Amino acid sequence: MECITTVTYSLTLNEGLTKPFKGQRGIKQGDPMSPYLFVLAMKYLQREFDQLALNKEFHFHPRCKKLGVIHVCFADDLLMFCRKDLPSIRLLQQAFMKFSKAVGLQEKCRQELYLPCWHFCKSEGGHLAGFGLQLIKSVIFGVQSYWANIFLLPKKVLNMIEATCRTFLWTSKADISRKELVSWEKICMPQAAGGLNVIYLYNWNKATMKKHLWDITKKKDFLSIRWIHAYYIKNQTIDTMSIHKNAAWVVRKILELRKLILYLPTMQRDLTSRLRKLQSTDGRFSIKKL
């Protein structure tokens, strides 16, 4: 750690450099060394949780035991799982506090969950002005498109986004209005058919979610896919298996998309064969083939 604790910095001030000073709080933001240090720190956390799994007093979360999952990391977010009994929670906290003390990272717990696209429509809508159709296509739909690739968005959220876009297109204001010169369905049609080639959010979200169904049939080596196979599919044939009533909402919605694939008149044979036709020459899922 000498390269971190002994580093010095100089600032450019009035066309000259200031005297070097030591960094007291680690490396600066954006430093090329940062990802490597993060991986090393998370590797240490992984080892702590591996030891925790061997403790007989610790119990896995019921939905994580088959895969032996205790934690999931994404960027600087950390999710930890265990059964809701006091010994397991205490052991999990002790393991994390040991890691926190060793690497100098402090926890920052979040106690709220919200849909960023919904938040965007409510908080940023008042600042939309002067960008018109291009803003709708690139900015608002760009935010929505990211989340639409991850999970199925509630209809209420999609309707709110479309209402904001529709109002802004005709009034240049964020306050939702019913004023429209042309129906939104017409706006979403291709330019060759007289529309403005705006994406219809509901259909786009359904199409992007079919990639998850494609991943499930291909048995991709993702944690989420392995989890679905371990707890819901269980070596059944995905074409004919029934959807368990207690399955997670997202899992149910993904599996319900089987009907849309099977009803496509341009494709034949079973579900797996149909989904195989949706991949490009490089073996990736292609939404353009839907």
C-alpha atoms as a PDB file:
ATOM      1  CA  MET A   1       0.000   0.000   0.000  1.00  0.00           C
ATOM      2  CA  GLU A   2       3.059   2.302  -0.133  1.00  0.00           C
ATOM      3  CA  CYS A   3       2.040   3.601  -3.575  1.00  0.00           C
ATOM      4  CA  ILE A   4      -1.211   4.879  -2.054  1.00  0.00           C
ATOM      5  CA  THR A   5      -0.200   6.197   1.369  1.00  0.00           C
ATOM      6  CA  THR A   6       2.954   8.016   0.206  1.00  0.00           C
ATOM      7  CA  VAL A   7       1.629   9.645  -2.968  1.00  0.00           C
ATOM      8  CA  THR A   8       1.752  13.447  -3.261  1.00  0.00           C
ATOM      9  CA  TYR A   9      -0.230  15.897  -5.387  1.00  0.00           C
ATOM     10  CA  SER A  10       0.335  19.365  -6.835  1.00  0.00           C
ATOM     11  CA  LEU A  11      -2.293  21.778  -8.126  1.00  0.00           C
ATOM     12  CA  THR A  12      -1.991  24.202 -11.020  1.00  0.00           C
ATOM     13  CA  LEU A  13      -2.633  27.683  -9.594  1.00  0.00           C
ATOM     14  CA  ASN A  14      -1.934  31.020 -11.331  1.00  0.00           C
ATOM     15  CA  GLU A  15       0.023  29.299 -14.118  1.00  0.00           C
ATOM     16  CA  GLY A  16       2.265  27.515 -11.640  1.00  0.00           C
ATOM     17  CA  LEU A  17       2.320  24.416  -9.452  1.00  0.00           C
ATOM     18  CA  THR A  18       1.722  24.527  -5.723  1.00  0.00           C
ATOM     19  CA  LYS A  19       3.954  22.741  -3.235  1.00  0.00           C
ATOM     20  CA  PRO A  20       3.367  18.965  -3.193  1.00  0.00           C
ATOM     21  CA  PHE A  21       1.064  17.698  -0.461  1.00  0.00           C
ATOM     22  CA  LYS A  22       0.264  14.171   0.648  1.00  0.00           C
ATOM     23  CA  GLY A  23      -3.039  12.519  -0.091  1.00  0.00           C
ATOM     24  CA  GLN A  24      -4.775  11.863   3.210  1.00  0.00           C
ATOM     25  CA  ARG A  25      -7.882  10.079   1.877  1.00  0.00           C
ATOM     26  CA  GLY A  26      -6.555   7.530  -0.594  1.00  0.00           C
ATOM     27  CA  ILE A  27      -6.357   7.877  -4.363  1.00  0.00           C
ATOM     28  CA  LYS A  28      -8.304  10.488  -6.298  1.00  0.00           C
ATOM     29  CA  GLN A  29     -11.559   9.789  -8.070  1.00  0.00           C
ATOM     30  CA  GLY A  30     -11.028   8.302 -11.533  1.00  0.00           C
ATOM     31  CA  ASP A  31      -7.536   7.029 -10.779  1.00  0.00           C
ATOM     32  CA  PRO A  32      -6.659   4.067 -13.074  1.00  0.00           C
ATOM     33  CA  MET A  33      -5.631   2.080  -9.999  1.00  0.00           C
ATOM     34  CA  SER A  34      -9.078   2.384  -8.427  1.00  0.00           C
ATOM     35  CA  PRO A  35     -10.737  -0.639 -10.158  1.00  0.00           C
ATOM     36  CA  TYR A  36      -7.863  -2.927  -9.178  1.00  0.00           C
ATOM     37  CA  LEU A  37      -8.037  -1.867  -5.548  1.00  0.00           C
ATOM     38  CA  PHE A  38     -11.803  -2.377  -5.582  1.00  0.00           C
ATOM     39  CA  VAL A  39     -11.407  -5.929  -6.906  1.00  0.00           C
ATOM     40  CA  LEU A  40      -8.797  -6.698  -4.230  1.00  0.00           C
ATOM     41  CA  ALA A  41     -11.073  -5.370  -1.498  1.00  0.00           C
ATOM     42  CA  MET A  42     -14.090  -7.347  -2.771  1.00  0.00           C
ATOM     43  CA  LYS A  43     -11.917 -10.469  -2.979  1.00  0.00           C
ATOM     44  CA  TYR A  44     -11.160 -10.072   0.723  1.00  0.00           C
ATOM     45  CA  LEU A  45     -14.894  -9.704   1.411  1.00  0.00           C
ATOM     46  CA  GLN A  46     -15.569 -12.864  -0.616  1.00  0.00           C
ATOM     47  CA  ARG A  47     -13.075 -14.793   1.509  1.00  0.00           C
ATOM     48  CA  GLU A  48     -14.733 -13.568   4.703  1.00  0.00           C
ATOM     49  CA  PHE A  49     -18.140 -14.712   3.482  1.00  0.00           C
ATOM     50  CA  ASP A  50     -16.702 -18.071   2.350  1.00  0.00           C
ATOM     51  CA  GLN A  51     -15.530 -18.619   5.922  1.00  0.00           C
ATOM     52  CA  LEU A  52     -18.918 -17.484   7.207  1.00  0.00           C
ATOM     53  CA  ALA A  53     -20.670 -20.129   5.094  1.00  0.00           C
ATOM     54  CA  LEU A  54     -18.733 -22.824   6.995  1.00  0.00           C
ATOM     55  CA  ASN A  55     -20.078 -21.621  10.341  1.00  0.00           C
ATOM     56  CA  LYS A  56     -22.818 -23.995  11.526  1.00  0.00           C
ATOM     57  CA  GLU A  57     -24.648 -21.163  13.306  1.00  0.00           C
ATOM     58  CA  PHE A  58     -25.066 -19.240  10.045  1.00  0.00           C
ATOM     59  CA  HIS A  59     -28.042 -20.020   7.818  1.00  0.00           C
ATOM     60  CA  PHE A  60     -28.428 -19.031   4.171  1.00  0.00           C
ATOM     61  CA  HIS A  61     -31.447 -17.155   2.933  1.00  0.00           C
ATOM     62  CA  PRO A  62     -34.035 -19.777   1.827  1.00  0.00           C
ATOM     63  CA  ARG A  63     -33.815 -18.537  -1.768  1.00  0.00           C
ATOM     64  CA  CYS A  64     -30.003 -18.502  -1.827  1.00  0.00           C
ATOM     65  CA  LYS A  65     -29.027 -21.791  -0.200  1.00  0.00           C
ATOM     66  CA  LYS A  66     -28.898 -23.918  -3.384  1.00  0.00           C
ATOM     67  CA  LEU A  67     -26.406 -21.560  -5.033  1.00  0.00           C
ATOM     68  CA  GLY A  68     -24.572 -20.684  -1.806  1.00  0.00           C
ATOM     69  CA  VAL A  69     -25.116 -16.942  -2.324  1.00  0.00           C
ATOM     70  CA  ILE A  70     -24.438 -14.606   0.600  1.00  0.00           C
ATOM     71  CA  HIS A  71     -23.796 -11.358  -1.228  1.00  0.00           C
ATOM     72  CA  VAL A  72     -24.101  -9.660  -4.618  1.00  0.00           C
ATOM     73  CA  CYS A  73     -21.973  -6.670  -5.682  1.00  0.00           C
ATOM     74  CA  PHE A  74     -22.798  -4.177  -8.394  1.00  0.00           C
ATOM     75  CA  ALA A  75     -20.444  -1.183  -8.728  1.00  0.00           C
ATOM     76  CA  ASP A  76     -20.391   0.349  -5.223  1.00  0.00           C
ATOM     77  CA  ASP A  77     -23.630  -1.326  -4.085  1.00  0.00           C
ATOM     78  CA  LEU A  78     -23.565  -4.407  -1.873  1.00  0.00           C
ATOM     79  CA  LEU A  79     -26.520  -6.690  -1.132  1.00  0.00           C
ATOM     80  CA  MET A  80     -26.151  -9.264   1.669  1.00  0.00           C
ATOM     81  CA  PHE A  81     -28.503 -12.175   2.338  1.00  0.00           C
ATOM     82  CA  CYS A  82     -29.145 -14.521   5.251  1.00  0.00           C
ATOM     83  CA  ARG A  83     -32.026 -16.185   7.040  1.00  0.00           C
ATOM     84  CA  LYS A  84     -33.994 -13.868   9.336  1.00  0.00           C
ATOM     85  CA  ASP A  85     -32.726 -15.294  12.607  1.00  0.00           C
ATOM     86  CA  LEU A  86     -30.647 -13.342  15.089  1.00  0.00           C
ATOM     87  CA  PRO A  87     -27.474 -15.524  15.037  1.00  0.00           C
ATOM     88  CA  SER A  88     -27.232 -15.378  11.231  1.00  0.00           C
ATOM     89  CA  ILE A  89     -27.784 -11.618  11.123  1.00  0.00           C
ATOM     90  CA  ARG A  90     -25.224 -11.072  13.875  1.00  0.00           C
ATOM     91  CA  LEU A  91     -22.602 -13.254  12.179  1.00  0.00           C
ATOM     92  CA  LEU A  92     -23.188 -11.520   8.840  1.00  0.00           C
ATOM     93  CA  GLN A  93     -22.796  -8.108  10.467  1.00  0.00           C
ATOM     94  CA  GLN A  94     -19.616  -9.179  12.260  1.00  0.00           C
ATOM     95  CA  ALA A  95     -18.085 -10.416   8.995  1.00  0.00           C
ATOM     96  CA  PHE A  96     -18.925  -7.173   7.253  1.00  0.00           C
ATOM     97  CA  MET A  97     -17.636  -5.003  10.119  1.00  0.00           C
ATOM     98  CA  LYS A  98     -14.355  -6.927  10.061  1.00  0.00           C
ATOM     99  CA  PHE A  99     -14.067  -6.198   6.343  1.00  0.00           C
ATOM    100  CA  SER A 100     -15.055  -2.548   6.893  1.00  0.00           C
ATOM    101  CA  LYS A 101     -12.384  -2.062   9.549  1.00  0.00           C
ATOM    102  CA  ALA A 102      -9.705  -3.734   7.407  1.00  0.00           C
ATOM    103  CA  VAL A 103     -10.254  -1.688   4.231  1.00  0.00           C
ATOM    104  CA  GLY A 104     -11.571   1.537   5.790  1.00  0.00           C
ATOM    105  CA  LEU A 105     -14.961   1.500   4.026  1.00  0.00           C
ATOM    106  CA  GLN A 106     -18.078   2.556   5.912  1.00  0.00           C
ATOM    107  CA  GLU A 107     -21.544   1.193   5.194  1.00  0.00           C
ATOM    108  CA  LYS A 108     -24.278   3.501   3.929  1.00  0.00           C
ATOM    109  CA  CYS A 109     -27.609   1.701   4.120  1.00  0.00           C
ATOM    110  CA  ARG A 110     -30.498   2.599   1.836  1.00  0.00           C
ATOM    111  CA  GLN A 111     -34.042   2.117   3.024  1.00  0.00           C
ATOM    112  CA  GLU A 112     -36.003   3.187  -0.045  1.00  0.00           C
ATOM    113  CA  LEU A 113     -36.632   1.719  -3.457  1.00  0.00           C
ATOM    114  CA  TYR A 114     -37.948   3.705  -6.405  1.00  0.00           C
ATOM    115  CA  LEU A 115     -38.051   3.533 -10.167  1.00  0.00           C
ATOM    116  CA  PRO A 116     -35.530   6.026 -11.576  1.00  0.00           C
ATOM    117  CA  CYS A 117     -37.571   6.527 -14.748  1.00  0.00           C
ATOM    118  CA  TRP A 118     -40.611   7.524 -12.668  1.00  0.00           C
ATOM    119  CA  HIS A 119     -38.431   9.829 -10.575  1.00  0.00           C
ATOM    120  CA  PHE A 120     -37.015  11.367 -13.747  1.00  0.00           C
ATOM    121  CA  CYS A 121     -40.477  12.188 -15.085  1.00  0.00           C
ATOM    122  CA  LYS A 122     -41.498  13.894 -11.873  1.00  0.00           C
ATOM    123  CA  SER A 123     -38.345  15.795 -10.940  1.00  0.00           C
ATOM    124  CA  GLU A 124     -36.738  16.644 -14.271  1.00  0.00           C
ATOM    125  CA  GLY A 125     -39.845  17.267 -16.332  1.00  0.00           C
ATOM    126  CA  GLY A 126     -40.062  20.905 -15.310  1.00  0.00           C
ATOM    127  CA  HIS A 127     -36.707  21.673 -16.959  1.00  0.00           C
ATOM    128  CA  LEU A 128     -37.584  20.346 -20.419  1.00  0.00           C
ATOM    129  CA  ALA A 129     -37.708  23.125 -22.962  1.00  0.00           C
ATOM    130  CA  GLY A 130     -36.636  23.825 -26.521  1.00  0.00           C
ATOM    131  CA  PHE A 131     -35.367  20.427 -27.579  1.00  0.00           C
ATOM    132  CA  GLY A 132     -38.561  18.916 -29.006  1.00  0.00           C
ATOM    133  CA  LEU A 133     -38.694  15.566 -30.649  1.00  0.00           C
ATOM    134  CA  GLN A 134     -34.942  14.966 -30.490  1.00  0.00           C
ATOM    135  CA  LEU A 135     -34.952  15.387 -26.703  1.00  0.00           C
ATOM    136  CA  ILE A 136     -37.804  12.912 -26.388  1.00  0.00           C
ATOM    137  CA  LYS A 137     -35.991  10.320 -28.532  1.00  0.00           C
ATOM    138  CA  SER A 138     -32.503  10.682 -27.097  1.00  0.00           C
ATOM    139  CA  VAL A 139     -32.858  11.754 -23.459  1.00  0.00           C
ATOM    140  CA  ILE A 140     -36.163  10.595 -21.998  1.00  0.00           C
ATOM    141  CA  PHE A 141     -36.340   7.344 -23.953  1.00  0.00           C
ATOM    142  CA  GLY A 142     -32.632   6.826 -23.344  1.00  0.00           C
ATOM    143  CA  VAL A 143     -33.210   6.763 -19.586  1.00  0.00           C
ATOM    144  CA  GLN A 144     -36.195   4.451 -19.969  1.00  0.00           C
ATOM    145  CA  SER A 145     -34.402   2.173 -22.416  1.00  0.00           C
ATOM    146  CA  TYR A 146     -31.717   1.318 -19.841  1.00  0.00           C
ATOM    147  CA  TRP A 147     -34.243   0.144 -17.246  1.00  0.00           C
ATOM    148  CA  ALA A 148     -36.442  -1.553 -19.862  1.00  0.00           C
ATOM    149  CA  ASN A 149     -33.529  -3.880 -20.610  1.00  0.00           C
ATOM    150  CA  ILE A 150     -33.337  -4.940 -16.968  1.00  0.00           C
ATOM    151  CA  PHE A 151     -36.911  -5.620 -15.872  1.00  0.00           C
ATOM    152  CA  LEU A 152     -40.515  -5.253 -16.950  1.00  0.00           C
ATOM    153  CA  LEU A 153     -41.669  -1.738 -16.080  1.00  0.00           C
ATOM    154  CA  PRO A 154     -45.143  -1.275 -14.537  1.00  0.00           C
ATOM    155  CA  LYS A 155     -47.763   0.008 -16.945  1.00  0.00           C
ATOM    156  CA  LYS A 156     -48.391   3.017 -14.709  1.00  0.00           C
ATOM    157  CA  VAL A 157     -44.769   4.113 -15.122  1.00  0.00           C
ATOM    158  CA  LEU A 158     -44.831   3.626 -18.906  1.00  0.00           C
ATOM    159  CA  ASN A 159     -48.086   5.592 -19.189  1.00  0.00           C
ATOM    160  CA  MET A 160     -46.580   8.405 -17.114  1.00  0.00           C
ATOM    161  CA  ILE A 161     -43.505   8.603 -19.345  1.00  0.00           C
ATOM    162  CA  GLU A 162     -45.596   8.611 -22.522  1.00  0.00           C
ATOM    163  CA  ALA A 163     -47.933  11.259 -21.120  1.00  0.00           C
ATOM    164  CA  THR A 164     -44.956  13.488 -20.288  1.00  0.00           C
ATOM    165  CA  CYS A 165     -43.455  13.010 -23.772  1.00  0.00           C
ATOM    166  CA  ARG A 166     -46.784  13.569 -25.522  1.00  0.00           C
ATOM    167  CA  THR A 167     -47.487  16.758 -23.581  1.00  0.00           C
ATOM    168  CA  PHE A 168     -44.005  18.139 -24.117  1.00  0.00           C
ATOM    169  CA  LEU A 169     -44.152  17.420 -27.849  1.00  0.00           C
ATOM    170  CA  TRP A 170     -47.300  19.539 -28.355  1.00  0.00           C
ATOM    171  CA  THR A 171     -47.065  22.153 -25.570  1.00  0.00           C
ATOM    172  CA  SER A 172     -43.334  22.333 -24.667  1.00  0.00           C
ATOM    173  CA  LYS A 173     -44.430  22.062 -21.033  1.00  0.00           C
ATOM    174  CA  ALA A 174     -44.054  19.383 -18.386  1.00  0.00           C
ATOM    175  CA  ASP A 175     -47.549  19.667 -16.907  1.00  0.00           C
ATOM    176  CA  ILE A 176     -49.473  16.718 -18.294  1.00  0.00           C
ATOM    177  CA  SER A 177     -52.217  17.741 -20.697  1.00  0.00           C
ATOM    178  CA  ARG A 178     -54.615  15.893 -22.999  1.00  0.00           C
ATOM    179  CA  LYS A 179     -53.933  18.307 -25.827  1.00  0.00           C
ATOM    180  CA  GLU A 180     -52.637  16.433 -28.892  1.00  0.00           C
ATOM    181  CA  LEU A 181     -52.971  17.153 -32.601  1.00  0.00           C
ATOM    182  CA  VAL A 182     -52.120  13.611 -33.665  1.00  0.00           C
ATOM    183  CA  SER A 183     -52.661  10.387 -31.718  1.00  0.00           C
ATOM    184  CA  TRP A 184     -49.621   8.937 -29.961  1.00  0.00           C
ATOM    185  CA  GLU A 185     -50.058   5.646 -31.836  1.00  0.00           C
ATOM    186  CA  LYS A 186     -49.611   7.586 -35.092  1.00  0.00           C
ATOM    187  CA  ILE A 187     -46.515   9.338 -33.734  1.00  0.00           C
ATOM    188  CA  CYS A 188     -44.933   5.966 -32.912  1.00  0.00           C
ATOM    189  CA  MET A 189     -45.350   4.652 -36.459  1.00  0.00           C
ATOM    190  CA  PRO A 190     -42.344   4.566 -38.866  1.00  0.00           C
ATOM    191  CA  GLN A 191     -41.711   7.654 -40.981  1.00  0.00           C
ATOM    192  CA  ALA A 192     -42.588   5.682 -44.121  1.00  0.00           C
ATOM    193  CA  ALA A 193     -46.083   5.182 -42.665  1.00  0.00           C
ATOM    194  CA  GLY A 194     -46.509   8.863 -41.768  1.00  0.00           C
ATOM    195  CA  GLY A 195     -45.260   8.719 -38.176  1.00  0.00           C
ATOM    196  CA  LEU A 196     -42.225  10.211 -36.411  1.00  0.00           C
ATOM    197  CA  ASN A 197     -40.526   6.892 -35.668  1.00  0.00           C
ATOM    198  CA  VAL A 198     -40.835   7.310 -31.888  1.00  0.00           C
ATOM    199  CA  ILE A 199     -40.464   4.101 -29.886  1.00  0.00           C
ATOM    200  CA  TYR A 200     -43.666   2.712 -28.410  1.00  0.00           C
ATOM    201  CA  LEU A 201     -42.502   2.055 -24.866  1.00  0.00           C
ATOM    202  CA  TYR A 202     -44.783  -0.850 -24.009  1.00  0.00           C
ATOM    203  CA  ASN A 203     -43.794  -2.918 -27.054  1.00  0.00           C
ATOM    204  CA  TRP A 204     -40.127  -2.026 -26.647  1.00  0.00           C
ATOM    205  CA  ASN A 205     -40.128  -3.161 -23.014  1.00  0.00           C
ATOM    206  CA  LYS A 206     -41.764  -6.485 -23.956  1.00  0.00           C
ATOM    207  CA  ALA A 207     -39.239  -7.023 -26.764  1.00  0.00           C
ATOM    208  CA  THR A 208     -36.219  -6.324 -24.553  1.00  0.00           C
ATOM    209  CA  MET A 209     -37.544  -8.648 -21.855  1.00  0.00           C
ATOM    210  CA  LYS A 210     -37.567 -11.498 -24.356  1.00  0.00           C
ATOM    211  CA  LYS A 211     -33.789 -11.446 -24.139  1.00  0.00           C
ATOM    212  CA  HIS A 212     -34.092 -12.740 -20.567  1.00  0.00           C
ATOM    213  CA  LEU A 213     -36.272 -15.576 -21.847  1.00  0.00           C
ATOM    214  CA  TRP A 214     -33.609 -16.264 -24.478  1.00  0.00           C
ATOM    215  CA  ASP A 215     -30.941 -16.323 -21.743  1.00  0.00           C
ATOM    216  CA  ILE A 216     -33.023 -18.801 -19.719  1.00  0.00           C
ATOM    217  CA  THR A 217     -33.408 -21.224 -22.621  1.00  0.00           C
ATOM    218  CA  LYS A 218     -29.697 -20.912 -23.454  1.00  0.00           C
ATOM    219  CA  LYS A 219     -28.848 -21.482 -19.752  1.00  0.00           C
ATOM    220  CA  LYS A 220     -26.471 -18.543 -19.725  1.00  0.00           C
ATOM    221  CA  ASP A 221     -23.916 -18.584 -16.914  1.00  0.00           C
ATOM    222  CA  PHE A 222     -25.398 -15.626 -15.055  1.00  0.00           C
ATOM    223  CA  LEU A 223     -26.260 -15.716 -11.364  1.00  0.00           C
ATOM    224  CA  SER A 224     -29.854 -14.642 -12.029  1.00  0.00           C
ATOM    225  CA  ILE A 225     -30.343 -17.331 -14.717  1.00  0.00           C
ATOM    226  CA  ARG A 226     -28.833 -20.067 -12.544  1.00  0.00           C
ATOM    227  CA  TRP A 227     -31.103 -18.944  -9.704  1.00  0.00           C
ATOM    228  CA  ILE A 228     -34.233 -19.208 -11.887  1.00  0.00           C
ATOM    229  CA  HIS A 229     -33.232 -22.688 -13.045  1.00  0.00           C
ATOM    230  CA  ALA A 230     -32.440 -23.817  -9.495  1.00  0.00           C
ATOM    231  CA  TYR A 231     -35.666 -22.644  -7.866  1.00  0.00           C
ATOM    232  CA  TYR A 232     -38.331 -22.532 -10.613  1.00  0.00           C
ATOM    233  CA  ILE A 233     -37.487 -24.559 -13.712  1.00  0.00           C
ATOM    234  CA  LYS A 234     -35.740 -27.500 -11.976  1.00  0.00           C
ATOM    235  CA  ASN A 235     -34.892 -29.482 -15.152  1.00  0.00           C
ATOM    236  CA  GLN A 236     -38.413 -29.097 -16.557  1.00  0.00           C
ATOM    237  CA  THR A 237     -39.122 -28.352 -20.207  1.00  0.00           C
ATOM    238  CA  ILE A 238     -39.534 -24.601 -20.447  1.00  0.00           C
ATOM    239  CA  ASP A 239     -42.079 -24.916 -23.295  1.00  0.00           C
ATOM    240  CA  THR A 240     -44.686 -26.785 -21.240  1.00  0.00           C
ATOM    241  CA  MET A 241     -43.810 -26.122 -17.591  1.00  0.00           C
ATOM    242  CA  SER A 242     -46.392 -24.362 -15.441  1.00  0.00           C
ATOM    243  CA  ILE A 243     -45.588 -21.074 -13.736  1.00  0.00           C
ATOM    244  CA  HIS A 244     -45.558 -21.456  -9.965  1.00  0.00           C
ATOM    245  CA  LYS A 245     -47.969 -19.143  -8.186  1.00  0.00           C
ATOM    246  CA  ASN A 246     -45.343 -18.219  -5.589  1.00  0.00           C
ATOM    247  CA  ALA A 247     -42.747 -17.309  -8.208  1.00  0.00           C
ATOM    248  CA  ALA A 248     -41.344 -13.791  -8.125  1.00  0.00           C
ATOM    249  CA  TRP A 249     -43.342 -11.241 -10.129  1.00  0.00           C
ATOM    250  CA  VAL A 250     -40.457 -10.608 -12.536  1.00  0.00           C
ATOM    251  CA  VAL A 251     -39.953 -14.336 -13.145  1.00  0.00           C
ATOM    252  CA  ARG A 252     -43.662 -14.839 -13.857  1.00  0.00           C
ATOM    253  CA  LYS A 253     -43.734 -11.969 -16.346  1.00  0.00           C
ATOM    254  CA  ILE A 254     -40.654 -13.281 -18.178  1.00  0.00           C
ATOM    255  CA  LEU A 255     -42.072 -16.797 -18.470  1.00  0.00           C
ATOM    256  CA  GLU A 256     -45.432 -15.428 -19.635  1.00  0.00           C
ATOM    257  CA  LEU A 257     -43.648 -14.058 -22.694  1.00  0.00           C
ATOM    258  CA  ARG A 258     -43.498 -17.623 -24.002  1.00  0.00           C
ATOM    259  CA  LYS A 259     -46.991 -17.142 -25.441  1.00  0.00           C
ATOM    260  CA  LEU A 260     -45.889 -14.165 -27.533  1.00  0.00           C
ATOM    261  CA  ILE A 261     -43.014 -16.166 -29.028  1.00  0.00           C
ATOM    262  CA  LEU A 262     -45.157 -19.230 -29.715  1.00  0.00           C
ATOM    263  CA  TYR A 263     -47.857 -17.126 -31.419  1.00  0.00           C
ATOM    264  CA  LEU A 264     -45.455 -15.526 -33.897  1.00  0.00           C
ATOM    265  CA  PRO A 265     -46.712 -16.657 -37.333  1.00  0.00           C
ATOM    266  CA  THR A 266     -43.289 -16.218 -38.930  1.00  0.00           C
ATOM    267  CA  MET A 267     -41.686 -18.906 -36.755  1.00  0.00           C
ATOM    268  CA  GLN A 268     -42.232 -22.648 -36.446  1.00  0.00           C
ATOM    269  CA  ARG A 269     -41.314 -25.521 -34.077  1.00  0.00           C
ATOM    270  CA  ASP A 270     -40.796 -25.343 -30.302  1.00  0.00           C
ATOM    271  CA  LEU A 271     -39.905 -22.352 -28.108  1.00  0.00           C
ATOM    272  CA  THR A 272     -36.177 -23.094 -27.958  1.00  0.00           C
ATOM    273  CA  SER A 273     -35.934 -23.366 -31.746  1.00  0.00           C
ATOM    274  CA  ARG A 274     -37.869 -20.128 -32.210  1.00  0.00           C
ATOM    275  CA  LEU A 275     -35.667 -18.248 -29.762  1.00  0.00           C
ATOM    276  CA  ARG A 276     -32.568 -19.628 -31.471  1.00  0.00           C
ATOM    277  CA  LYS A 277     -33.655 -17.810 -34.640  1.00  0.00           C
ATOM    278  CA  LEU A 278     -33.525 -14.512 -32.731  1.00  0.00           C
ATOM    279  CA  GLN A 279     -29.764 -14.595 -32.338  1.00  0.00           C
ATOM    280  CA  SER A 280     -27.356 -12.868 -34.665  1.00  0.00           C
ATOM    281  CA  THR A 281     -24.396 -14.424 -36.479  1.00  0.00           C
ATOM    282  CA  ASP A 282     -22.118 -13.711 -33.503  1.00  0.00           C
ATOM    283  CA  GLY A 283     -24.396 -15.696 -31.176  1.00  0.00           C
ATOM    284  CA  ARG A 284     -26.028 -12.729 -29.441  1.00  0.00           C
ATOM    285  CA  PHE A 285     -29.710 -11.951 -29.032  1.00  0.00           C
ATOM    286  CA  SER A 286     -30.965  -9.611 -31.788  1.00  0.00           C
ATOM    287  CA  ILE A 287     -34.101  -7.586 -31.055  1.00  0.00           C
ATOM    288  CA  LYS A 288     -34.295  -6.588 -34.744  1.00  0.00           C
ATOM    289  CA  LYS A 289     -35.342 -10.143 -35.657  1.00  0.00           C
ATOM    290  CA  LEU A 290     -38.570  -9.941 -33.678  1.00  0.00           C
END
